[in-house]
N, C-alpha and C. Protein backbone atom coordinates (compact mmCIF):
# COMPACT_ATOMS: atom_id res chain seq x y z
N MET A 1 3.32 -26.00 -37.22
CA MET A 1 4.40 -27.02 -37.13
C MET A 1 4.07 -28.36 -36.77
N GLN A 2 4.28 -29.36 -37.57
CA GLN A 2 4.07 -30.73 -37.28
C GLN A 2 5.19 -31.44 -36.73
N LEU A 3 4.98 -32.19 -35.62
CA LEU A 3 6.08 -32.94 -35.06
C LEU A 3 6.12 -34.36 -35.56
N GLY A 4 7.12 -35.00 -35.73
CA GLY A 4 7.08 -36.33 -36.00
C GLY A 4 7.04 -37.16 -34.70
N ALA A 5 6.88 -38.42 -34.92
CA ALA A 5 6.67 -39.41 -33.72
C ALA A 5 7.87 -39.43 -32.75
N LYS A 6 9.20 -39.23 -33.14
CA LYS A 6 10.20 -39.12 -32.35
C LYS A 6 10.36 -37.95 -31.63
N GLN A 7 10.01 -36.81 -32.36
CA GLN A 7 10.08 -35.42 -31.70
C GLN A 7 9.02 -35.24 -30.58
N GLN A 8 7.80 -35.91 -30.88
CA GLN A 8 6.58 -35.85 -29.95
C GLN A 8 7.10 -36.63 -28.63
N MET A 9 7.90 -37.69 -28.77
CA MET A 9 8.37 -38.46 -27.70
C MET A 9 9.33 -37.83 -26.87
N GLY A 10 10.29 -37.04 -27.62
CA GLY A 10 11.07 -36.14 -26.95
C GLY A 10 10.48 -34.99 -26.13
N LEU A 11 9.56 -34.45 -26.72
CA LEU A 11 8.83 -33.33 -26.09
C LEU A 11 8.02 -33.83 -24.90
N LYS A 12 7.34 -34.84 -25.09
CA LYS A 12 6.71 -35.57 -23.95
C LYS A 12 7.66 -35.73 -22.71
N SER A 13 8.75 -36.39 -23.12
CA SER A 13 9.83 -36.74 -21.94
C SER A 13 10.27 -35.39 -21.35
N MET A 14 10.51 -34.44 -22.22
CA MET A 14 10.86 -33.14 -21.57
C MET A 14 9.68 -32.54 -20.57
N MET A 15 8.61 -32.68 -21.02
CA MET A 15 7.34 -32.11 -20.24
C MET A 15 7.26 -32.80 -18.99
N LYS A 16 7.42 -34.28 -19.04
CA LYS A 16 7.41 -35.17 -17.94
C LYS A 16 8.44 -34.69 -16.97
N MET A 17 9.63 -34.38 -17.47
CA MET A 17 10.92 -34.13 -16.69
C MET A 17 10.54 -32.61 -15.90
N ILE A 18 9.91 -31.70 -16.77
CA ILE A 18 9.49 -30.39 -16.06
C ILE A 18 8.62 -30.62 -14.91
N VAL A 19 7.51 -31.33 -15.14
CA VAL A 19 6.60 -31.54 -14.14
C VAL A 19 7.11 -32.14 -13.01
N GLY A 20 8.04 -33.23 -13.19
CA GLY A 20 8.66 -33.89 -12.07
C GLY A 20 9.51 -33.12 -11.41
N MET A 21 10.25 -32.22 -11.95
CA MET A 21 11.31 -31.31 -11.25
C MET A 21 10.37 -30.19 -10.47
N SER A 22 9.33 -29.79 -10.95
CA SER A 22 8.69 -28.69 -10.20
C SER A 22 7.93 -29.38 -8.94
N SER A 23 7.49 -30.70 -8.89
CA SER A 23 7.19 -31.34 -7.80
C SER A 23 8.23 -32.07 -6.91
N GLY A 24 9.52 -32.09 -7.47
CA GLY A 24 10.65 -32.53 -6.73
C GLY A 24 10.85 -34.00 -6.90
N SER A 25 9.99 -34.59 -7.70
CA SER A 25 9.99 -36.25 -7.79
C SER A 25 11.17 -36.64 -8.72
N THR A 26 11.65 -35.97 -9.66
CA THR A 26 12.61 -36.43 -10.56
C THR A 26 13.58 -35.17 -10.88
N LEU A 27 14.00 -34.47 -9.86
CA LEU A 27 14.88 -33.36 -10.13
C LEU A 27 16.39 -33.81 -10.59
N PHE A 28 16.85 -34.83 -10.15
CA PHE A 28 18.22 -35.17 -10.66
C PHE A 28 18.29 -36.67 -11.03
N ASP A 29 17.70 -36.82 -12.18
CA ASP A 29 17.66 -38.15 -12.83
C ASP A 29 18.75 -38.40 -13.62
N ASP A 30 19.78 -39.29 -13.06
CA ASP A 30 21.08 -39.41 -13.80
C ASP A 30 20.92 -40.34 -14.85
N ARG A 31 19.79 -40.98 -14.99
CA ARG A 31 19.76 -41.88 -16.24
C ARG A 31 19.47 -41.02 -17.51
N ASN A 32 18.84 -40.00 -17.39
CA ASN A 32 18.42 -39.08 -18.50
C ASN A 32 19.30 -37.94 -18.75
N PHE A 33 20.10 -37.44 -17.59
CA PHE A 33 20.74 -36.01 -17.73
C PHE A 33 22.07 -36.21 -17.01
N GLU A 34 23.07 -35.60 -17.50
CA GLU A 34 24.36 -35.27 -16.81
C GLU A 34 23.96 -33.77 -16.18
N TRP A 35 24.32 -33.58 -14.96
CA TRP A 35 24.04 -32.26 -14.46
C TRP A 35 25.01 -31.79 -13.60
N SER A 36 25.08 -30.43 -13.28
CA SER A 36 25.92 -29.90 -12.32
C SER A 36 24.95 -28.71 -11.74
N MET A 37 25.40 -28.29 -10.38
CA MET A 37 24.65 -27.37 -9.73
C MET A 37 25.65 -26.19 -9.28
N ALA A 38 25.07 -25.02 -9.23
CA ALA A 38 25.78 -23.88 -8.70
C ALA A 38 24.84 -23.03 -7.86
N GLU A 39 25.46 -22.39 -6.94
CA GLU A 39 24.66 -21.57 -5.81
C GLU A 39 25.01 -20.02 -6.07
N SER A 40 24.08 -19.10 -6.04
CA SER A 40 24.46 -17.68 -5.89
C SER A 40 23.68 -17.06 -4.85
N LYS A 41 23.97 -15.85 -4.44
CA LYS A 41 23.14 -15.17 -3.30
C LYS A 41 21.64 -15.33 -3.53
N ASP A 42 21.20 -15.25 -4.75
CA ASP A 42 19.68 -15.35 -5.13
C ASP A 42 19.10 -16.64 -5.43
N GLY A 43 19.80 -17.64 -5.70
CA GLY A 43 19.37 -18.94 -5.91
C GLY A 43 20.23 -20.02 -6.53
N TYR A 44 19.58 -20.93 -7.06
CA TYR A 44 20.50 -22.07 -7.49
C TYR A 44 20.32 -22.26 -9.04
N LYS A 45 21.40 -22.68 -9.62
CA LYS A 45 21.29 -23.01 -11.17
C LYS A 45 21.65 -24.28 -11.36
N VAL A 46 20.85 -24.99 -12.05
CA VAL A 46 21.15 -26.46 -12.41
C VAL A 46 21.36 -26.53 -14.01
N ASP A 47 22.40 -26.97 -14.28
CA ASP A 47 22.89 -27.12 -15.73
C ASP A 47 22.80 -28.50 -16.14
N MET A 48 21.94 -28.86 -17.18
CA MET A 48 21.67 -30.22 -17.58
C MET A 48 21.94 -30.63 -18.88
N THR A 49 22.67 -31.63 -19.32
CA THR A 49 22.80 -32.06 -20.44
C THR A 49 22.25 -33.38 -20.82
N PRO A 50 21.29 -33.53 -21.66
CA PRO A 50 20.54 -34.65 -21.83
C PRO A 50 21.37 -35.95 -22.39
N LYS A 51 21.04 -37.05 -21.77
CA LYS A 51 21.51 -38.32 -22.25
C LYS A 51 20.61 -38.98 -23.17
N ASN A 52 19.40 -38.91 -22.82
CA ASN A 52 18.18 -39.51 -23.59
C ASN A 52 18.28 -39.08 -25.06
N LYS A 53 18.38 -40.07 -25.98
CA LYS A 53 18.54 -39.68 -27.48
C LYS A 53 17.34 -39.05 -28.04
N ASN A 54 16.02 -39.04 -27.57
CA ASN A 54 15.03 -38.37 -28.10
C ASN A 54 15.04 -36.91 -27.54
N VAL A 55 15.35 -36.74 -26.17
CA VAL A 55 15.45 -35.51 -25.74
C VAL A 55 16.70 -34.61 -26.33
N LYS A 56 17.81 -35.33 -26.66
CA LYS A 56 19.13 -34.75 -27.13
C LYS A 56 18.76 -34.44 -28.62
N ARG A 57 17.82 -34.93 -29.31
CA ARG A 57 17.51 -34.59 -30.71
C ARG A 57 16.93 -33.13 -30.82
N MET A 58 16.32 -32.79 -29.48
CA MET A 58 15.59 -31.49 -29.48
C MET A 58 16.25 -30.41 -28.72
N PHE A 59 17.01 -30.84 -27.76
CA PHE A 59 17.74 -29.90 -26.59
C PHE A 59 19.11 -30.48 -26.64
N SER A 60 19.99 -29.36 -26.75
CA SER A 60 21.39 -29.66 -26.22
C SER A 60 21.67 -29.32 -24.77
N ARG A 61 20.74 -28.45 -24.27
CA ARG A 61 21.08 -28.09 -22.90
C ARG A 61 19.91 -27.57 -22.37
N VAL A 62 19.76 -27.73 -21.13
CA VAL A 62 18.58 -27.42 -20.26
C VAL A 62 19.20 -26.82 -18.93
N VAL A 63 18.72 -25.47 -18.70
CA VAL A 63 19.15 -24.95 -17.42
C VAL A 63 18.09 -24.42 -16.71
N LEU A 64 18.01 -24.68 -15.38
CA LEU A 64 16.96 -24.48 -14.42
C LEU A 64 17.50 -23.46 -13.49
N PHE A 65 16.50 -22.35 -13.09
CA PHE A 65 17.02 -21.40 -12.02
C PHE A 65 15.99 -21.67 -11.02
N PHE A 66 16.56 -21.71 -9.84
CA PHE A 66 15.43 -21.72 -8.61
C PHE A 66 15.62 -20.70 -7.58
N ASP A 67 14.64 -20.16 -7.00
CA ASP A 67 14.59 -19.05 -6.13
C ASP A 67 15.24 -19.83 -4.75
N LYS A 68 16.00 -19.04 -4.13
CA LYS A 68 16.82 -19.55 -2.83
C LYS A 68 15.89 -19.77 -1.70
N THR A 69 14.90 -18.64 -1.70
CA THR A 69 13.94 -18.88 -0.46
C THR A 69 13.02 -19.72 -0.44
N THR A 70 12.30 -19.84 -1.64
CA THR A 70 11.08 -20.60 -2.01
C THR A 70 11.39 -21.95 -2.44
N LYS A 71 12.58 -22.15 -3.09
CA LYS A 71 12.97 -23.40 -3.78
C LYS A 71 12.13 -23.65 -5.03
N ASN A 72 11.34 -22.69 -5.53
CA ASN A 72 10.50 -22.84 -6.62
C ASN A 72 11.33 -22.49 -7.92
N ILE A 73 11.06 -23.20 -8.93
CA ILE A 73 11.64 -22.80 -10.30
C ILE A 73 11.34 -21.41 -10.69
N LYS A 74 12.38 -20.55 -11.05
CA LYS A 74 12.22 -19.18 -11.57
C LYS A 74 12.12 -19.27 -13.03
N SER A 75 13.04 -19.98 -13.70
CA SER A 75 13.00 -19.82 -15.18
C SER A 75 13.63 -21.15 -15.60
N LEU A 76 13.38 -21.51 -16.91
CA LEU A 76 13.97 -22.56 -17.57
C LEU A 76 14.43 -22.05 -18.92
N GLU A 77 15.68 -22.34 -19.22
CA GLU A 77 16.32 -21.97 -20.46
C GLU A 77 16.56 -23.55 -21.15
N LEU A 78 15.98 -23.54 -22.41
CA LEU A 78 16.18 -24.68 -23.30
C LEU A 78 17.05 -24.16 -24.39
N THR A 79 18.15 -24.90 -24.63
CA THR A 79 19.02 -24.58 -25.69
C THR A 79 18.72 -25.75 -26.73
N GLU A 80 17.99 -25.36 -27.80
CA GLU A 80 17.58 -26.45 -28.86
C GLU A 80 18.97 -26.93 -29.77
N SER A 81 18.58 -27.99 -30.31
CA SER A 81 19.90 -28.66 -31.03
C SER A 81 20.32 -27.81 -32.15
N ASP A 82 19.71 -26.78 -32.55
CA ASP A 82 20.13 -25.70 -33.55
C ASP A 82 20.85 -24.58 -32.82
N ASN A 83 20.96 -24.66 -31.54
CA ASN A 83 21.40 -23.73 -30.65
C ASN A 83 20.31 -22.48 -30.62
N SER A 84 19.16 -22.55 -30.99
CA SER A 84 18.14 -21.44 -30.63
C SER A 84 17.88 -21.64 -28.93
N LEU A 85 17.63 -20.49 -28.59
CA LEU A 85 17.46 -20.50 -26.96
C LEU A 85 15.91 -20.06 -26.68
N THR A 86 15.25 -20.84 -25.70
CA THR A 86 13.81 -20.55 -25.37
C THR A 86 13.97 -20.50 -23.84
N THR A 87 13.51 -19.32 -23.42
CA THR A 87 13.54 -19.14 -21.86
C THR A 87 12.00 -19.03 -21.45
N ILE A 88 11.63 -19.84 -20.49
CA ILE A 88 10.36 -19.81 -19.79
C ILE A 88 10.56 -19.29 -18.56
N THR A 89 9.65 -18.13 -18.18
CA THR A 89 9.71 -17.71 -16.73
C THR A 89 8.52 -17.99 -16.08
N PHE A 90 8.65 -18.43 -14.81
CA PHE A 90 7.49 -18.80 -14.02
C PHE A 90 7.21 -17.83 -12.91
N LYS A 91 5.99 -17.53 -12.68
CA LYS A 91 5.64 -16.55 -11.70
C LYS A 91 4.72 -17.18 -10.62
């Protein structure tokens, strides 16, 4: 699969966001995402909707799940613009 320049920019923005979130430097960037957070007994769920037009072309929703004890990302759900779902689990 070949990505166009705009898709590459969107993917690059998403990867930068994921790396920033894992380090805690860009967890809740209000310029690029609308977000809400929920807490359960096992962890935290951050539900994000992209504002950035390049990211929005690729993903309509991003959901992060954090371990409550370690605060590490457990998994990432990416809902693509065609409603396909990709789940990435971190160990």
